[in-house]
Amino acid sequence: MSWTRTRAAPSPTRRAEPDGFQPLSR
């Protein structure tokens, strides 16, 4: 469960977010 790995593995939660966006604020 790495928030930084979201770029490599797009999660359904950040699917609406632009690619390359890091949900560090979440």
C-alpha atoms as a PDB file:
ATOM      1  CA  MET A   1       0.000   0.000   0.000  1.00  0.00           C
ATOM      2  CA  SER A   2       2.361   2.719  -1.180  1.00  0.00           C
ATOM      3  CA  TRP A   3       0.878   6.063  -2.131  1.00  0.00           C
ATOM      4  CA  THR A   4       3.895   6.710  -4.315  1.00  0.00           C
ATOM      5  CA  ARG A   5       3.291   3.470  -6.216  1.00  0.00           C
ATOM      6  CA  THR A   6      -0.028   4.868  -7.446  1.00  0.00           C
ATOM      7  CA  ARG A   7       1.771   6.204 -10.499  1.00  0.00           C
ATOM      8  CA  ALA A   8       2.823   2.706 -11.530  1.00  0.00           C
ATOM      9  CA  ALA A   9      -0.459   1.147 -10.430  1.00  0.00           C
ATOM     10  CA  PRO A  10      -3.409   3.515 -11.032  1.00  0.00           C
ATOM     11  CA  SER A  11      -5.996   2.901  -8.318  1.00  0.00           C
ATOM     12  CA  PRO A  12      -9.747   3.276  -8.943  1.00  0.00           C
ATOM     13  CA  THR A  13      -9.753   5.989  -6.278  1.00  0.00           C
ATOM     14  CA  ARG A  14      -7.362   8.254  -8.158  1.00  0.00           C
ATOM     15  CA  ARG A  15      -8.620   7.187 -11.575  1.00  0.00           C
ATOM     16  CA  ALA A  16     -10.348  10.539 -11.962  1.00  0.00           C
ATOM     17  CA  GLU A  17      -7.095  12.297 -11.092  1.00  0.00           C
ATOM     18  CA  PRO A  18      -4.612  13.232 -13.863  1.00  0.00           C
ATOM     19  CA  ASP A  19      -1.765  10.800 -14.456  1.00  0.00           C
ATOM     20  CA  GLY A  20       1.290  11.791 -12.466  1.00  0.00           C
ATOM     21  CA  PHE A  21      -0.730  13.327  -9.661  1.00  0.00           C
ATOM     22  CA  GLN A  22       0.427  12.171  -6.222  1.00  0.00           C
ATOM     23  CA  PRO A  23      -2.342  12.038  -3.578  1.00  0.00           C
ATOM     24  CA  LEU A  24       0.051  13.159  -0.852  1.00  0.00           C
ATOM     25  CA  SER A  25      -2.546  15.597   0.467  1.00  0.00           C
ATOM     26  CA  ARG A  26      -5.003  12.743   0.950  1.00  0.00           C
END
